[in-house]
C-alpha cells in the first residue's frame, strides 16, 4: 500500500470516526431532551389527575346542592298546595283584615 493510499485511508477513518462521534453525541442529546419531555409530561399528567379529582368533588357538591334545592322546592310546593288564601281573610287570624 502506498503512502498516499495510507494517508487517504487514515483520513477516511478519521472522518468516519468523527462522523460517528458526532452522531452519538447528537443521539445522546436527543435522548436527554426526550427524557426531559417525558418528565414534563408525567408532571402534567399528575396535575391533570389532580384537577380531575377536584372536578369530581365539585360535581358531587353541585349534585348535593341540587338535591337540597329540589327538596326545598318540593316542600314549598306542598305548602302552597295546602295553603288556603281564604284563611287570611278571616277576622282574628294573623295577616287577615278585621
N, C-alpha and C. Protein backbone atom coordinates (compact mmCIF):
# COMPACT_ATOMS: atom_id res chain seq x y z
N UNK A 1 0.84 -1.16 0.00
CA UNK A 1 0.00 0.00 0.00
C UNK A 1 0.89 1.23 0.00
N UNK A 2 0.60 2.14 -0.86
CA UNK A 2 1.41 3.35 -0.96
C UNK A 2 1.09 4.31 0.17
N UNK A 3 1.96 5.23 0.39
CA UNK A 3 1.77 6.19 1.47
C UNK A 3 0.57 7.09 1.21
N UNK A 4 0.29 7.39 -0.05
CA UNK A 4 -0.88 8.20 -0.40
C UNK A 4 -2.15 7.45 -0.04
N UNK A 5 -2.16 6.15 -0.33
CA UNK A 5 -3.34 5.34 0.00
C UNK A 5 -3.51 5.24 1.51
N UNK A 6 -2.39 5.09 2.22
CA UNK A 6 -2.46 5.03 3.69
C UNK A 6 -3.01 6.33 4.25
N UNK A 7 -2.53 7.45 3.67
CA UNK A 7 -2.99 8.76 4.15
C UNK A 7 -4.48 8.92 3.88
N UNK A 8 -4.96 8.53 2.70
CA UNK A 8 -6.39 8.62 2.36
C UNK A 8 -7.22 7.71 3.25
N UNK A 9 -6.72 6.51 3.54
CA UNK A 9 -7.43 5.58 4.42
C UNK A 9 -7.51 6.14 5.83
N UNK A 10 -6.42 6.70 6.30
CA UNK A 10 -6.41 7.30 7.64
C UNK A 10 -7.36 8.48 7.70
N UNK A 11 -7.37 9.30 6.67
CA UNK A 11 -8.27 10.45 6.63
C UNK A 11 -9.72 9.98 6.60
N UNK A 12 -10.00 8.94 5.83
CA UNK A 12 -11.36 8.40 5.74
C UNK A 12 -11.79 7.84 7.09
N UNK A 13 -10.88 7.12 7.76
CA UNK A 13 -11.20 6.57 9.07
C UNK A 13 -11.44 7.68 10.10
N UNK A 14 -10.61 8.71 10.07
CA UNK A 14 -10.80 9.82 10.99
C UNK A 14 -12.12 10.54 10.72
N UNK A 15 -12.42 10.75 9.45
CA UNK A 15 -13.67 11.42 9.10
C UNK A 15 -14.85 10.56 9.53
N UNK A 16 -14.75 9.25 9.27
CA UNK A 16 -15.82 8.33 9.69
C UNK A 16 -15.97 8.30 11.19
N UNK A 17 -14.83 8.28 11.89
CA UNK A 17 -14.86 8.29 13.36
C UNK A 17 -15.45 9.58 13.89
N UNK A 18 -15.09 10.70 13.27
CA UNK A 18 -15.65 11.99 13.68
C UNK A 18 -17.16 12.04 13.44
N UNK A 19 -17.55 11.51 12.26
CA UNK A 19 -18.98 11.46 11.94
C UNK A 19 -19.72 10.60 12.97
N UNK A 20 -19.15 9.44 13.30
CA UNK A 20 -19.76 8.54 14.27
C UNK A 20 -19.84 9.20 15.65
N UNK A 21 -18.77 9.88 16.04
CA UNK A 21 -18.76 10.57 17.35
C UNK A 21 -19.85 11.65 17.37
N UNK A 22 -19.96 12.42 16.28
CA UNK A 22 -20.99 13.46 16.20
C UNK A 22 -22.38 12.83 16.25
N UNK A 23 -22.56 11.72 15.54
CA UNK A 23 -23.84 11.03 15.54
C UNK A 23 -24.20 10.56 16.95
N UNK A 24 -23.26 9.98 17.64
CA UNK A 24 -23.51 9.51 19.01
C UNK A 24 -23.81 10.68 19.95
N UNK A 25 -23.09 11.78 19.79
CA UNK A 25 -23.34 12.96 20.61
C UNK A 25 -24.75 13.49 20.37
N UNK A 26 -25.15 13.58 19.10
CA UNK A 26 -26.49 14.06 18.78
C UNK A 26 -27.57 13.13 19.33
N UNK A 27 -27.34 11.83 19.21
CA UNK A 27 -28.31 10.87 19.72
C UNK A 27 -28.44 10.98 21.24
N UNK A 28 -27.31 11.17 21.92
CA UNK A 28 -27.33 11.31 23.37
C UNK A 28 -28.08 12.59 23.77
N UNK A 29 -27.83 13.66 23.05
CA UNK A 29 -28.54 14.91 23.32
C UNK A 29 -30.04 14.74 23.11
N UNK A 30 -30.40 14.07 22.02
CA UNK A 30 -31.82 13.83 21.75
C UNK A 30 -32.46 12.98 22.85
N UNK A 31 -31.75 11.99 23.33
CA UNK A 31 -32.27 11.15 24.41
C UNK A 31 -32.47 11.96 25.69
N UNK A 32 -31.55 12.86 25.98
CA UNK A 32 -31.69 13.70 27.18
C UNK A 32 -32.92 14.60 27.05
N UNK A 33 -33.11 15.18 25.88
CA UNK A 33 -34.29 16.05 25.65
C UNK A 33 -35.57 15.24 25.77
N UNK A 34 -35.57 14.05 25.19
CA UNK A 34 -36.77 13.21 25.26
C UNK A 34 -37.07 12.81 26.70
N UNK A 35 -36.04 12.51 27.46
CA UNK A 35 -36.23 12.17 28.87
C UNK A 35 -36.82 13.35 29.63
N UNK A 36 -36.34 14.54 29.34
CA UNK A 36 -36.89 15.74 29.98
C UNK A 36 -38.35 15.94 29.59
N UNK A 37 -38.68 15.72 28.31
CA UNK A 37 -40.08 15.85 27.86
C UNK A 37 -40.98 14.84 28.56
N UNK A 38 -40.48 13.62 28.71
CA UNK A 38 -41.27 12.59 29.40
C UNK A 38 -41.51 13.01 30.85
N UNK A 39 -40.49 13.56 31.49
CA UNK A 39 -40.66 14.06 32.86
C UNK A 39 -41.69 15.16 32.94
N UNK A 40 -41.66 16.09 31.98
CA UNK A 40 -42.64 17.17 31.95
C UNK A 40 -44.05 16.62 31.70
N UNK A 41 -44.15 15.65 30.82
CA UNK A 41 -45.46 15.05 30.54
C UNK A 41 -45.99 14.33 31.77
N UNK A 42 -45.11 13.67 32.50
CA UNK A 42 -45.51 12.97 33.72
C UNK A 42 -46.05 13.97 34.74
N UNK A 43 -45.36 15.10 34.89
CA UNK A 43 -45.82 16.13 35.82
C UNK A 43 -47.16 16.70 35.36
N UNK A 44 -47.32 16.90 34.06
CA UNK A 44 -48.58 17.41 33.53
C UNK A 44 -49.71 16.42 33.77
N UNK A 45 -49.44 15.15 33.55
CA UNK A 45 -50.46 14.13 33.78
C UNK A 45 -50.86 14.08 35.24
N UNK A 46 -49.89 14.22 36.12
CA UNK A 46 -50.19 14.23 37.56
C UNK A 46 -51.07 15.44 37.89
N UNK A 47 -50.73 16.59 37.32
CA UNK A 47 -51.55 17.79 37.54
C UNK A 47 -52.96 17.62 37.00
N UNK A 48 -53.07 17.00 35.84
CA UNK A 48 -54.40 16.76 35.26
C UNK A 48 -55.20 15.81 36.13
N UNK A 49 -54.56 14.78 36.66
CA UNK A 49 -55.26 13.84 37.54
C UNK A 49 -55.76 14.55 38.79
N UNK A 50 -54.95 15.45 39.33
CA UNK A 50 -55.37 16.23 40.49
C UNK A 50 -56.57 17.10 40.14
N UNK A 51 -56.52 17.75 38.97
CA UNK A 51 -57.64 18.60 38.54
C UNK A 51 -58.91 17.79 38.34
N UNK A 52 -58.79 16.60 37.77
CA UNK A 52 -59.97 15.75 37.56
C UNK A 52 -60.56 15.35 38.91
N UNK A 53 -59.70 15.07 39.88
CA UNK A 53 -60.19 14.75 41.22
C UNK A 53 -60.95 15.91 41.83
N UNK A 54 -60.42 17.11 41.67
CA UNK A 54 -61.12 18.30 42.18
C UNK A 54 -62.44 18.51 41.45
N UNK A 55 -62.44 18.27 40.15
CA UNK A 55 -63.68 18.43 39.38
C UNK A 55 -64.73 17.43 39.87
N UNK A 56 -64.31 16.21 40.17
CA UNK A 56 -65.25 15.20 40.67
C UNK A 56 -65.85 15.65 42.00
N UNK A 57 -65.02 16.19 42.89
CA UNK A 57 -65.53 16.69 44.17
C UNK A 57 -66.50 17.83 43.95
N UNK A 58 -66.18 18.72 43.03
CA UNK A 58 -67.05 19.86 42.74
C UNK A 58 -68.39 19.37 42.19
N UNK A 59 -68.35 18.39 41.30
CA UNK A 59 -69.58 17.86 40.74
C UNK A 59 -70.44 17.20 41.83
N UNK A 60 -69.80 16.50 42.76
CA UNK A 60 -70.55 15.89 43.86
C UNK A 60 -71.19 16.97 44.73
N UNK A 61 -70.48 18.06 44.97
CA UNK A 61 -71.02 19.17 45.75
C UNK A 61 -72.20 19.81 45.03
N UNK A 62 -72.06 20.01 43.73
CA UNK A 62 -73.15 20.59 42.94
C UNK A 62 -74.37 19.67 42.97
N UNK A 63 -74.12 18.37 42.82
CA UNK A 63 -75.24 17.42 42.84
C UNK A 63 -75.96 17.46 44.18
N UNK A 64 -75.21 17.50 45.29
CA UNK A 64 -75.83 17.57 46.61
C UNK A 64 -76.63 18.86 46.76
N UNK A 65 -76.10 19.97 46.26
CA UNK A 65 -76.81 21.25 46.33
C UNK A 65 -78.10 21.19 45.52
N UNK A 66 -78.04 20.58 44.35
CA UNK A 66 -79.24 20.49 43.52
C UNK A 66 -80.29 19.60 44.18
N UNK A 67 -79.85 18.54 44.85
CA UNK A 67 -80.81 17.68 45.56
C UNK A 67 -81.48 18.44 46.70
N UNK A 68 -80.69 19.24 47.44
CA UNK A 68 -81.27 20.05 48.53
C UNK A 68 -82.25 21.07 47.95
N UNK A 69 -81.88 21.68 46.82
CA UNK A 69 -82.76 22.65 46.17
C UNK A 69 -84.06 21.98 45.73
N UNK A 70 -83.96 20.79 45.18
CA UNK A 70 -85.14 20.06 44.73
C UNK A 70 -86.05 19.74 45.92
N UNK A 71 -85.44 19.32 47.03
CA UNK A 71 -86.24 19.03 48.23
C UNK A 71 -86.93 20.28 48.75
N UNK A 72 -86.23 21.40 48.74
CA UNK A 72 -86.81 22.66 49.20
C UNK A 72 -87.97 23.07 48.31
N UNK A 73 -87.79 22.95 47.01
CA UNK A 73 -88.87 23.30 46.06
C UNK A 73 -90.06 22.37 46.27
N UNK A 74 -89.79 21.10 46.49
CA UNK A 74 -90.87 20.14 46.69
C UNK A 74 -91.65 20.48 47.96
N UNK A 75 -90.93 20.78 49.05
CA UNK A 75 -91.62 21.16 50.31
C UNK A 75 -92.42 22.43 50.11
N UNK A 76 -91.85 23.42 49.41
CA UNK A 76 -92.57 24.67 49.14
C UNK A 76 -93.82 24.42 48.31
N UNK A 77 -93.73 23.52 47.36
CA UNK A 77 -94.88 23.20 46.52
C UNK A 77 -95.98 22.55 47.36
N UNK A 78 -95.59 21.64 48.25
CA UNK A 78 -96.58 21.01 49.13
C UNK A 78 -97.25 22.04 50.03
N UNK A 79 -96.47 22.98 50.55
CA UNK A 79 -97.04 24.02 51.41
C UNK A 79 -98.01 24.89 50.63
N UNK A 80 -97.65 25.23 49.39
CA UNK A 80 -98.55 26.05 48.57
C UNK A 80 -99.85 25.31 48.28
N UNK A 81 -99.78 24.00 48.09
CA UNK A 81 -100.98 23.23 47.81
C UNK A 81 -101.91 23.18 49.02
N UNK A 82 -101.30 23.19 50.23
CA UNK A 82 -102.11 23.16 51.44
C UNK A 82 -102.61 24.54 51.83
N UNK A 83 -102.05 25.57 51.27
CA UNK A 83 -102.36 26.93 51.67
C UNK A 83 -103.76 27.30 51.20
N UNK A 84 -104.49 27.91 52.12
CA UNK A 84 -105.85 28.35 51.80
C UNK A 84 -105.88 29.86 51.97
N UNK A 85 -105.91 30.61 50.88
CA UNK A 85 -105.88 32.07 51.00
C UNK A 85 -107.12 32.63 51.70
N UNK A 86 -108.19 31.88 51.76
CA UNK A 86 -109.40 32.36 52.42
C UNK A 86 -109.19 32.48 53.92
N UNK A 87 -108.28 31.68 54.48
CA UNK A 87 -108.00 31.77 55.91
C UNK A 87 -107.42 33.13 56.27
N UNK A 88 -106.71 33.73 55.36
CA UNK A 88 -106.11 35.03 55.64
C UNK A 88 -107.18 36.12 55.70
N UNK A 89 -108.29 35.90 55.06
CA UNK A 89 -109.36 36.90 55.05
C UNK A 89 -110.27 36.78 56.27
N UNK A 90 -110.12 35.70 57.02
CA UNK A 90 -110.95 35.50 58.19
C UNK A 90 -110.49 36.44 59.30
N UNK A 91 -111.43 37.21 59.93
CA UNK A 91 -111.04 38.12 61.03
C UNK A 91 -110.48 37.33 62.20
N UNK A 92 -109.52 37.94 62.86
CA UNK A 92 -108.91 37.34 64.04
C UNK A 92 -107.69 36.48 63.70
N UNK A 93 -107.44 36.25 62.47
CA UNK A 93 -106.27 35.49 62.07
C UNK A 93 -105.14 36.44 61.75
N UNK A 94 -103.94 36.01 61.93
CA UNK A 94 -102.82 36.88 61.62
C UNK A 94 -102.75 37.12 60.15
N UNK A 95 -102.58 38.35 59.77
CA UNK A 95 -102.49 38.72 58.36
C UNK A 95 -103.85 38.99 57.75
N UNK A 96 -104.94 38.72 58.46
CA UNK A 96 -106.26 38.92 57.91
C UNK A 96 -106.75 40.34 58.13
N UNK A 97 -107.80 40.71 57.44
CA UNK A 97 -108.38 42.04 57.60
C UNK A 97 -109.50 41.96 58.63
N UNK A 98 -109.59 42.90 59.58
CA UNK A 98 -110.65 42.84 60.59
C UNK A 98 -112.03 43.15 60.04
